[in-house]
Every structure is written in structure tokens, then in C-alpha cells.
Amino acid sequence: MNELNQELLEVLNTPVIQTFWTNFITGEITLLTGIVWLVVAGSVSIFGGAIGGVLLARKDLGFGLAASIGGLFGPVGVLPAIAIGLIVLKFV
């Protein structure tokens, strides 16, 4: 177990990871932090879309199908908006 901790510390102390965390915490938008924010926004939009689908169509489609369809349609509007917003914030 100690060897695993040592290897993990070596990976976390590399300059690339240190730069990523510095940029991520300070709010500087780079390609890597933008991708991470897109993944976070996509995950939240899938969860929100599933909840919205269940609230809107649970009686007509059933819980499972409504959640699946909502989870698929949730990111459709969110991901392009987040991508455009990150690009605007990067260059403004």
C-alpha cells in the first residue's frame, strides 16, 4: 500500500498536474480545464435531464424510458452553450 501511495504522490507532483490544478483553482481557462468543465456540465445536464424527463413523462412513458430520454436530451442544449461560453470567456 505504501508503494501505491508513493507512486500516486509522484504522479500528482509532476509539473503538468501541478499546472492543471493551479489553472483550475484560479479559474484560468485552458484547453484541459475547458474539457474538464465540459465533462462536469455534461454530467450535471444528464442528471438534470433525467429528472426533468421523469417529472414530465413518467405517466406516459414510465420512469425508465422517461429518464433515459431525458438524460439523452439534457446535454443537447447545455454542451454547446457551455462550449461557446468558455470560448467567449477565454478571449474576452
PDB file of N, CA and C in Angstrom:
ATOM      1  N   MET A   1       0.816  -1.184   0.000  1.00  0.00           N
ATOM      2  CA  MET A   1       0.000   0.000   0.000  1.00  0.00           C
ATOM      3  C   MET A   1       0.864   1.255   0.000  1.00  0.00           C
ATOM      4  N   ASN A   2       1.994   1.195   0.682  1.00  0.00           N
ATOM      5  CA  ASN A   2       2.885   2.332   0.737  1.00  0.00           C
ATOM      6  C   ASN A   2       3.472   2.645  -0.633  1.00  0.00           C
ATOM      7  N   GLU A   3       3.730   1.600  -1.425  1.00  0.00           N
ATOM      8  CA  GLU A   3       4.262   1.806  -2.778  1.00  0.00           C
ATOM      9  C   GLU A   3       3.239   2.522  -3.661  1.00  0.00           C
ATOM     10  N   LEU A   4       1.974   2.165  -3.505  1.00  0.00           N
ATOM     11  CA  LEU A   4       0.920   2.815  -4.267  1.00  0.00           C
ATOM     12  C   LEU A   4       0.814   4.292  -3.906  1.00  0.00           C
ATOM     13  N   ASN A   5       0.900   4.601  -2.622  1.00  0.00           N
ATOM     14  CA  ASN A   5       0.865   5.999  -2.195  1.00  0.00           C
ATOM     15  C   ASN A   5       2.049   6.777  -2.742  1.00  0.00           C
ATOM     16  N   GLN A   6       3.198   6.162  -2.763  1.00  0.00           N
ATOM     17  CA  GLN A   6       4.402   6.827  -3.279  1.00  0.00           C
ATOM     18  C   GLN A   6       4.259   7.104  -4.778  1.00  0.00           C
ATOM     19  N   GLU A   7       3.743   6.152  -5.529  1.00  0.00           N
ATOM     20  CA  GLU A   7       3.550   6.351  -6.961  1.00  0.00           C
ATOM     21  C   GLU A   7       2.501   7.421  -7.233  1.00  0.00           C
ATOM     22  N   LEU A   8       1.441   7.439  -6.428  1.00  0.00           N
ATOM     23  CA  LEU A   8       0.411   8.457  -6.581  1.00  0.00           C
ATOM     24  C   LEU A   8       0.969   9.846  -6.306  1.00  0.00           C
ATOM     25  N   LEU A   9       1.789   9.971  -5.289  1.00  0.00           N
ATOM     26  CA  LEU A   9       2.422  11.261  -4.992  1.00  0.00           C
ATOM     27  C   LEU A   9       3.358  11.700  -6.110  1.00  0.00           C
ATOM     28  N   GLU A  10       4.060  10.762  -6.708  1.00  0.00           N
ATOM     29  CA  GLU A  10       4.941  11.107  -7.828  1.00  0.00           C
ATOM     30  C   GLU A  10       4.137  11.637  -9.009  1.00  0.00           C
ATOM     31  N   VAL A  11       3.006  11.013  -9.293  1.00  0.00           N
ATOM     32  CA  VAL A  11       2.162  11.473 -10.404  1.00  0.00           C
ATOM     33  C   VAL A  11       1.575  12.834 -10.095  1.00  0.00           C
ATOM     34  N   LEU A  12       1.097  13.033  -8.875  1.00  0.00           N
ATOM     35  CA  LEU A  12       0.467  14.307  -8.516  1.00  0.00           C
ATOM     36  C   LEU A  12       1.464  15.459  -8.445  1.00  0.00           C
ATOM     37  N   ASN A  13       2.732  15.162  -8.263  1.00  0.00           N
ATOM     38  CA  ASN A  13       3.740  16.209  -8.169  1.00  0.00           C
ATOM     39  C   ASN A  13       4.432  16.505  -9.494  1.00  0.00           C
ATOM     40  N   THR A  14       3.953  15.947 -10.594  1.00  0.00           N
ATOM     41  CA  THR A  14       4.532  16.286 -11.888  1.00  0.00           C
ATOM     42  C   THR A  14       4.140  17.709 -12.261  1.00  0.00           C
ATOM     43  N   PRO A  15       4.949  18.399 -13.034  1.00  0.00           N
ATOM     44  CA  PRO A  15       4.648  19.791 -13.386  1.00  0.00           C
ATOM     45  C   PRO A  15       3.346  19.962 -14.174  1.00  0.00           C
ATOM     46  N   VAL A  16       2.990  18.997 -14.999  1.00  0.00           N
ATOM     47  CA  VAL A  16       1.762  19.109 -15.789  1.00  0.00           C
ATOM     48  C   VAL A  16       0.538  19.095 -14.869  1.00  0.00           C
ATOM     49  N   ILE A  17       0.511  18.197 -13.911  1.00  0.00           N
ATOM     50  CA  ILE A  17      -0.613  18.109 -12.978  1.00  0.00           C
ATOM     51  C   ILE A  17      -0.651  19.339 -12.082  1.00  0.00           C
ATOM     52  N   GLN A  18       0.496  19.797 -11.627  1.00  0.00           N
ATOM     53  CA  GLN A  18       0.543  20.994 -10.791  1.00  0.00           C
ATOM     54  C   GLN A  18       0.023  22.220 -11.547  1.00  0.00           C
ATOM     55  N   THR A  19       0.408  22.350 -12.813  1.00  0.00           N
ATOM     56  CA  THR A  19      -0.070  23.464 -13.627  1.00  0.00           C
ATOM     57  C   THR A  19      -1.572  23.370 -13.848  1.00  0.00           C
ATOM     58  N   PHE A  20      -2.065  22.149 -14.113  1.00  0.00           N
ATOM     59  CA  PHE A  20      -3.505  21.970 -14.295  1.00  0.00           C
ATOM     60  C   PHE A  20      -4.268  22.409 -13.064  1.00  0.00           C
ATOM     61  N   TRP A  21      -3.867  21.945 -11.873  1.00  0.00           N
ATOM     62  CA  TRP A  21      -4.598  22.300 -10.654  1.00  0.00           C
ATOM     63  C   TRP A  21      -4.496  23.786 -10.360  1.00  0.00           C
ATOM     64  N   THR A  22      -3.347  24.392 -10.642  1.00  0.00           N
ATOM     65  CA  THR A  22      -3.210  25.835 -10.441  1.00  0.00           C
ATOM     66  C   THR A  22      -4.173  26.590 -11.348  1.00  0.00           C
ATOM     67  N   ASN A  23      -4.227  26.216 -12.629  1.00  0.00           N
ATOM     68  CA  ASN A  23      -5.139  26.870 -13.564  1.00  0.00           C
ATOM     69  C   ASN A  23      -6.598  26.603 -13.196  1.00  0.00           C
ATOM     70  N   PHE A  24      -6.903  25.403 -12.772  1.00  0.00           N
ATOM     71  CA  PHE A  24      -8.281  25.027 -12.442  1.00  0.00           C
ATOM     72  C   PHE A  24      -8.783  25.790 -11.224  1.00  0.00           C
ATOM     73  N   ILE A  25      -7.938  25.904 -10.208  1.00  0.00           N
ATOM     74  CA  ILE A  25      -8.353  26.571  -8.976  1.00  0.00           C
ATOM     75  C   ILE A  25      -8.427  28.081  -9.160  1.00  0.00           C
ATOM     76  N   THR A  26      -7.506  28.651  -9.927  1.00  0.00           N
ATOM     77  CA  THR A  26      -7.525  30.102 -10.120  1.00  0.00           C
ATOM     78  C   THR A  26      -8.563  30.537 -11.140  1.00  0.00           C
ATOM     79  N   GLY A  27      -9.118  29.613 -11.894  1.00  0.00           N
ATOM     80  CA  GLY A  27     -10.160  29.951 -12.858  1.00  0.00           C
ATOM     81  C   GLY A  27      -9.656  30.296 -14.239  1.00  0.00           C
ATOM     82  N   GLU A  28      -8.398  30.058 -14.505  1.00  0.00           N
ATOM     83  CA  GLU A  28      -7.868  30.306 -15.847  1.00  0.00           C
ATOM     84  C   GLU A  28      -8.345  29.198 -16.781  1.00  0.00           C
ATOM     85  N   ILE A  29      -8.835  29.597 -17.946  1.00  0.00           N
ATOM     86  CA  ILE A  29      -9.396  28.626 -18.876  1.00  0.00           C
ATOM     87  C   ILE A  29      -8.324  28.230 -19.890  1.00  0.00           C
ATOM     88  N   THR A  30      -7.925  26.973 -19.821  1.00  0.00           N
ATOM     89  CA  THR A  30      -7.025  26.396 -20.812  1.00  0.00           C
ATOM     90  C   THR A  30      -7.792  25.284 -21.518  1.00  0.00           C
ATOM     91  N   LEU A  31      -7.150  24.627 -22.459  1.00  0.00           N
ATOM     92  CA  LEU A  31      -7.818  23.542 -23.167  1.00  0.00           C
ATOM     93  C   LEU A  31      -8.210  22.425 -22.207  1.00  0.00           C
ATOM     94  N   LEU A  32      -7.315  22.068 -21.317  1.00  0.00           N
ATOM     95  CA  LEU A  32      -7.580  20.971 -20.384  1.00  0.00           C
ATOM     96  C   LEU A  32      -8.655  21.341 -19.362  1.00  0.00           C
ATOM     97  N   THR A  33      -8.600  22.547 -18.808  1.00  0.00           N
ATOM     98  CA  THR A  33      -9.637  22.939 -17.845  1.00  0.00           C
ATOM     99  C   THR A  33     -10.983  23.111 -18.542  1.00  0.00           C
ATOM    100  N   GLY A  34     -10.976  23.553 -19.789  1.00  0.00           N
ATOM    101  CA  GLY A  34     -12.227  23.649 -20.548  1.00  0.00           C
ATOM    102  C   GLY A  34     -12.861  22.292 -20.768  1.00  0.00           C
ATOM    103  N   ILE A  35     -12.049  21.304 -21.069  1.00  0.00           N
ATOM    104  CA  ILE A  35     -12.569  19.944 -21.251  1.00  0.00           C
ATOM    105  C   ILE A  35     -13.143  19.412 -19.941  1.00  0.00           C
ATOM    106  N   VAL A  36     -12.461  19.686 -18.837  1.00  0.00           N
ATOM    107  CA  VAL A  36     -12.967  19.237 -17.530  1.00  0.00           C
ATOM    108  C   VAL A  36     -14.305  19.910 -17.228  1.00  0.00           C
ATOM    109  N   TRP A  37     -14.423  21.210 -17.517  1.00  0.00           N
ATOM    110  CA  TRP A  37     -15.692  21.896 -17.277  1.00  0.00           C
ATOM    111  C   TRP A  37     -16.791  21.371 -18.180  1.00  0.00           C
ATOM    112  N   LEU A  38     -16.460  21.000 -19.408  1.00  0.00           N
ATOM    113  CA  LEU A  38     -17.463  20.394 -20.289  1.00  0.00           C
ATOM    114  C   LEU A  38     -17.948  19.051 -19.746  1.00  0.00           C
ATOM    115  N   VAL A  39     -17.037  18.263 -19.210  1.00  0.00           N
ATOM    116  CA  VAL A  39     -17.420  16.973 -18.628  1.00  0.00           C
ATOM    117  C   VAL A  39     -18.312  17.175 -17.398  1.00  0.00           C
ATOM    118  N   VAL A  40     -17.956  18.138 -16.557  1.00  0.00           N
ATOM    119  CA  VAL A  40     -18.775  18.427 -15.380  1.00  0.00           C
ATOM    120  C   VAL A  40     -20.163  18.899 -15.806  1.00  0.00           C
ATOM    121  N   ALA A  41     -20.218  19.832 -16.771  1.00  0.00           N
ATOM    122  CA  ALA A  41     -21.510  20.339 -17.239  1.00  0.00           C
ATOM    123  C   ALA A  41     -22.329  19.235 -17.903  1.00  0.00           C
ATOM    124  N   GLY A  42     -21.679  18.358 -18.648  1.00  0.00           N
ATOM    125  CA  GLY A  42     -22.383  17.246 -19.278  1.00  0.00           C
ATOM    126  C   GLY A  42     -22.965  16.296 -18.257  1.00  0.00           C
ATOM    127  N   SER A  43     -22.212  16.007 -17.211  1.00  0.00           N
ATOM    128  CA  SER A  43     -22.708  15.105 -16.167  1.00  0.00           C
ATOM    129  C   SER A  43     -23.913  15.699 -15.444  1.00  0.00           C
ATOM    130  N   VAL A  44     -23.822  16.958 -15.103  1.00  0.00           N
ATOM    131  CA  VAL A  44     -24.934  17.609 -14.409  1.00  0.00           C
ATOM    132  C   VAL A  44     -26.161  17.705 -15.320  1.00  0.00           C
ATOM    133  N   SER A  45     -25.940  17.975 -16.616  1.00  0.00           N
ATOM    134  CA  SER A  45     -27.082  18.091 -17.527  1.00  0.00           C
ATOM    135  C   SER A  45     -27.740  16.735 -17.786  1.00  0.00           C
ATOM    136  N   ILE A  46     -26.980  15.666 -17.795  1.00  0.00           N
ATOM    137  CA  ILE A  46     -27.573  14.330 -17.932  1.00  0.00           C
ATOM    138  C   ILE A  46     -28.456  14.036 -16.719  1.00  0.00           C
ATOM    139  N   PHE A  47     -27.948  14.328 -15.540  1.00  0.00           N
ATOM    140  CA  PHE A  47     -28.711  14.100 -14.315  1.00  0.00           C
ATOM    141  C   PHE A  47     -29.969  14.966 -14.292  1.00  0.00           C
ATOM    142  N   GLY A  48     -29.822  16.240 -14.632  1.00  0.00           N
ATOM    143  CA  GLY A  48     -30.975  17.132 -14.658  1.00  0.00           C
ATOM    144  C   GLY A  48     -31.981  16.761 -15.728  1.00  0.00           C
ATOM    145  N   GLY A  49     -31.508  16.339 -16.891  1.00  0.00           N
ATOM    146  CA  GLY A  49     -32.415  15.906 -17.947  1.00  0.00           C
ATOM    147  C   GLY A  49     -33.195  14.665 -17.562  1.00  0.00           C
ATOM    148  N   ALA A  50     -32.530  13.755 -16.859  1.00  0.00           N
ATOM    149  CA  ALA A  50     -33.230  12.549 -16.404  1.00  0.00           C
ATOM    150  C   ALA A  50     -34.323  12.900 -15.396  1.00  0.00           C
ATOM    151  N   ILE A  51     -34.023  13.800 -14.492  1.00  0.00           N
ATOM    152  CA  ILE A  51     -35.042  14.224 -13.525  1.00  0.00           C
ATOM    153  C   ILE A  51     -36.185  14.929 -14.243  1.00  0.00           C
ATOM    154  N   GLY A  52     -35.856  15.811 -15.177  1.00  0.00           N
ATOM    155  CA  GLY A  52     -36.899  16.507 -15.930  1.00  0.00           C
ATOM    156  C   GLY A  52     -37.753  15.561 -16.749  1.00  0.00           C
ATOM    157  N   GLY A  53     -37.132  14.565 -17.360  1.00  0.00           N
ATOM    158  CA  GLY A  53     -37.887  13.586 -18.125  1.00  0.00           C
ATOM    159  C   GLY A  53     -38.850  12.796 -17.264  1.00  0.00           C
ATOM    160  N   VAL A  54     -38.397  12.434 -16.080  1.00  0.00           N
ATOM    161  CA  VAL A  54     -39.275  11.692 -15.168  1.00  0.00           C
ATOM    162  C   VAL A  54     -40.429  12.569 -14.715  1.00  0.00           C
ATOM    163  N   LEU A  55     -40.147  13.830 -14.409  1.00  0.00           N
ATOM    164  CA  LEU A  55     -41.219  14.720 -13.956  1.00  0.00           C
ATOM    165  C   LEU A  55     -42.243  14.990 -15.052  1.00  0.00           C
ATOM    166  N   LEU A  56     -41.798  15.053 -16.297  1.00  0.00           N
ATOM    167  CA  LEU A  56     -42.719  15.383 -17.384  1.00  0.00           C
ATOM    168  C   LEU A  56     -43.465  14.182 -17.949  1.00  0.00           C
ATOM    169  N   ALA A  57     -42.811  13.038 -18.072  1.00  0.00           N
ATOM    170  CA  ALA A  57     -43.414  11.952 -18.847  1.00  0.00           C
ATOM    171  C   ALA A  57     -43.475  10.622 -18.117  1.00  0.00           C
ATOM    172  N   ARG A  58     -43.428  10.617 -16.810  1.00  0.00           N
ATOM    173  CA  ARG A  58     -43.417   9.334 -16.094  1.00  0.00           C
ATOM    174  C   ARG A  58     -44.708   8.553 -16.272  1.00  0.00           C
ATOM    175  N   LYS A  59     -45.819   9.234 -16.406  1.00  0.00           N
ATOM    176  CA  LYS A  59     -47.093   8.523 -16.540  1.00  0.00           C
ATOM    177  C   LYS A  59     -47.283   7.981 -17.947  1.00  0.00           C
ATOM    178  N   ASP A  60     -46.757   8.689 -18.933  1.00  0.00           N
ATOM    179  CA  ASP A  60     -46.936   8.268 -20.316  1.00  0.00           C
ATOM    180  C   ASP A  60     -45.917   7.208 -20.745  1.00  0.00           C
ATOM    181  N   LEU A  61     -44.665   7.390 -20.352  1.00  0.00           N
ATOM    182  CA  LEU A  61     -43.598   6.507 -20.829  1.00  0.00           C
ATOM    183  C   LEU A  61     -43.072   5.538 -19.780  1.00  0.00           C
ATOM    184  N   GLY A  62     -43.333   5.804 -18.533  1.00  0.00           N
ATOM    185  CA  GLY A  62     -42.736   5.016 -17.464  1.00  0.00           C
ATOM    186  C   GLY A  62     -41.457   5.689 -16.992  1.00  0.00           C
ATOM    187  N   PHE A  63     -41.050   5.352 -15.797  1.00  0.00           N
ATOM    188  CA  PHE A  63     -39.890   6.019 -15.198  1.00  0.00           C
ATOM    189  C   PHE A  63     -38.604   5.778 -15.971  1.00  0.00           C
ATOM    190  N   GLY A  64     -38.339   4.553 -16.348  1.00  0.00           N
ATOM    191  CA  GLY A  64     -37.070   4.211 -17.003  1.00  0.00           C
ATOM    192  C   GLY A  64     -36.895   4.872 -18.353  1.00  0.00           C
ATOM    193  N   LEU A  65     -37.910   4.769 -19.191  1.00  0.00           N
ATOM    194  CA  LEU A  65     -37.812   5.355 -20.527  1.00  0.00           C
ATOM    195  C   LEU A  65     -37.788   6.877 -20.457  1.00  0.00           C
ATOM    196  N   ALA A  66     -38.584   7.460 -19.576  1.00  0.00           N
ATOM    197  CA  ALA A  66     -38.595   8.913 -19.431  1.00  0.00           C
ATOM    198  C   ALA A  66     -37.240   9.419 -18.955  1.00  0.00           C
ATOM    199  N   ALA A  67     -36.624   8.724 -18.009  1.00  0.00           N
ATOM    200  CA  ALA A  67     -35.304   9.124 -17.520  1.00  0.00           C
ATOM    201  C   ALA A  67     -34.242   8.952 -18.603  1.00  0.00           C
ATOM    202  N   SER A  68     -34.328   7.882 -19.375  1.00  0.00           N
ATOM    203  CA  SER A  68     -33.351   7.653 -20.448  1.00  0.00           C
ATOM    204  C   SER A  68     -33.438   8.725 -21.526  1.00  0.00           C
ATOM    205  N   ILE A  69     -34.638   9.027 -21.942  1.00  0.00           N
ATOM    206  CA  ILE A  69     -34.807  10.044 -22.974  1.00  0.00           C
ATOM    207  C   ILE A  69     -34.404  11.419 -22.447  1.00  0.00           C
ATOM    208  N   GLY A  70     -34.793  11.729 -21.215  1.00  0.00           N
ATOM    209  CA  GLY A  70     -34.395  13.000 -20.618  1.00  0.00           C
ATOM    210  C   GLY A  70     -32.893  13.116 -20.459  1.00  0.00           C
ATOM    211  N   GLY A  71     -32.252  12.018 -20.079  1.00  0.00           N
ATOM    212  CA  GLY A  71     -30.798  12.022 -19.955  1.00  0.00           C
ATOM    213  C   GLY A  71     -30.091  12.207 -21.278  1.00  0.00           C
ATOM    214  N   LEU A  72     -30.710  11.748 -22.363  1.00  0.00           N
ATOM    215  CA  LEU A  72     -30.109  11.944 -23.685  1.00  0.00           C
ATOM    216  C   LEU A  72     -30.332  13.354 -24.208  1.00  0.00           C
ATOM    217  N   PHE A  73     -31.517  13.908 -23.938  1.00  0.00           N
ATOM    218  CA  PHE A  73     -31.815  15.236 -24.455  1.00  0.00           C
ATOM    219  C   PHE A  73     -31.322  16.364 -23.553  1.00  0.00           C
ATOM    220  N   GLY A  74     -30.962  16.071 -22.322  1.00  0.00           N
ATOM    221  CA  GLY A  74     -30.466  17.107 -21.418  1.00  0.00           C
ATOM    222  C   GLY A  74     -29.218  17.819 -21.920  1.00  0.00           C
ATOM    223  N   PRO A  75     -28.191  17.092 -22.343  1.00  0.00           N
ATOM    224  CA  PRO A  75     -26.960  17.747 -22.780  1.00  0.00           C
ATOM    225  C   PRO A  75     -27.049  18.432 -24.145  1.00  0.00           C
ATOM    226  N   VAL A  76     -28.120  18.195 -24.885  1.00  0.00           N
ATOM    227  CA  VAL A  76     -28.214  18.753 -26.246  1.00  0.00           C
ATOM    228  C   VAL A  76     -28.128  20.266 -26.228  1.00  0.00           C
ATOM    229  N   GLY A  77     -28.778  20.906 -25.290  1.00  0.00           N
ATOM    230  CA  GLY A  77     -28.735  22.359 -25.229  1.00  0.00           C
ATOM    231  C   GLY A  77     -27.630  22.900 -24.350  1.00  0.00           C
ATOM    232  N   VAL A  78     -27.180  22.092 -23.407  1.00  0.00           N
ATOM    233  CA  VAL A  78     -26.212  22.577 -22.434  1.00  0.00           C
ATOM    234  C   VAL A  78     -24.792  22.584 -22.982  1.00  0.00           C
ATOM    235  N   LEU A  79     -24.365  21.507 -23.617  1.00  0.00           N
ATOM    236  CA  LEU A  79     -22.971  21.404 -24.039  1.00  0.00           C
ATOM    237  C   LEU A  79     -22.562  22.465 -25.069  1.00  0.00           C
ATOM    238  N   PRO A  80     -23.368  22.756 -26.095  1.00  0.00           N
ATOM    239  CA  PRO A  80     -22.969  23.849 -26.995  1.00  0.00           C
ATOM    240  C   PRO A  80     -22.924  25.205 -26.286  1.00  0.00           C
ATOM    241  N   ALA A  81     -23.861  25.449 -25.381  1.00  0.00           N
ATOM    242  CA  ALA A  81     -23.871  26.715 -24.659  1.00  0.00           C
ATOM    243  C   ALA A  81     -22.646  26.849 -23.758  1.00  0.00           C
ATOM    244  N   ILE A  82     -22.274  25.793 -23.086  1.00  0.00           N
ATOM    245  CA  ILE A  82     -21.090  25.822 -22.225  1.00  0.00           C
ATOM    246  C   ILE A  82     -19.836  26.002 -23.069  1.00  0.00           C
ATOM    247  N   ALA A  83     -19.739  25.305 -24.195  1.00  0.00           N
ATOM    248  CA  ALA A  83     -18.562  25.434 -25.066  1.00  0.00           C
ATOM    249  C   ALA A  83     -18.425  26.863 -25.579  1.00  0.00           C
ATOM    250  N   ILE A  84     -19.508  27.449 -26.042  1.00  0.00           N
ATOM    251  CA  ILE A  84     -19.455  28.828 -26.544  1.00  0.00           C
ATOM    252  C   ILE A  84     -19.123  29.787 -25.407  1.00  0.00           C
ATOM    253  N   GLY A  85     -19.713  29.555 -24.230  1.00  0.00           N
ATOM    254  CA  GLY A  85     -19.423  30.403 -23.082  1.00  0.00           C
ATOM    255  C   GLY A  85     -17.965  30.332 -22.659  1.00  0.00           C
ATOM    256  N   LEU A  86     -17.370  29.150 -22.658  1.00  0.00           N
ATOM    257  CA  LEU A  86     -15.959  29.019 -22.308  1.00  0.00           C
ATOM    258  C   LEU A  86     -15.066  29.697 -23.334  1.00  0.00           C
ATOM    259  N   ILE A  87     -15.423  29.592 -24.598  1.00  0.00           N
ATOM    260  CA  ILE A  87     -14.630  30.261 -25.644  1.00  0.00           C
ATOM    261  C   ILE A  87     -14.710  31.772 -25.490  1.00  0.00           C
ATOM    262  N   VAL A  88     -15.910  32.286 -25.229  1.00  0.00           N
ATOM    263  CA  VAL A  88     -16.064  33.730 -25.028  1.00  0.00           C
ATOM    264  C   VAL A  88     -15.283  34.193 -23.816  1.00  0.00           C
ATOM    265  N   LEU A  89     -15.356  33.444 -22.697  1.00  0.00           N
ATOM    266  CA  LEU A  89     -14.614  33.828 -21.507  1.00  0.00           C
ATOM    267  C   LEU A  89     -13.104  33.771 -21.718  1.00  0.00           C
ATOM    268  N   LYS A  90     -12.653  32.852 -22.536  1.00  0.00           N
ATOM    269  CA  LYS A  90     -11.208  32.724 -22.789  1.00  0.00           C
ATOM    270  C   LYS A  90     -10.668  33.944 -23.538  1.00  0.00           C
ATOM    271  N   PHE A  91     -11.431  34.457 -24.485  1.00  0.00           N
ATOM    272  CA  PHE A  91     -10.915  35.511 -25.353  1.00  0.00           C
ATOM    273  C   PHE A  91     -11.393  36.906 -24.979  1.00  0.00           C
ATOM    274  N   VAL A  92     -12.205  37.027 -23.940  1.00  0.00           N
ATOM    275  CA  VAL A  92     -12.662  38.369 -23.536  1.00  0.00           C
ATOM    276  C   VAL A  92     -11.850  38.850 -22.361  1.00  0.00           C
TER     277      VAL A  92
END
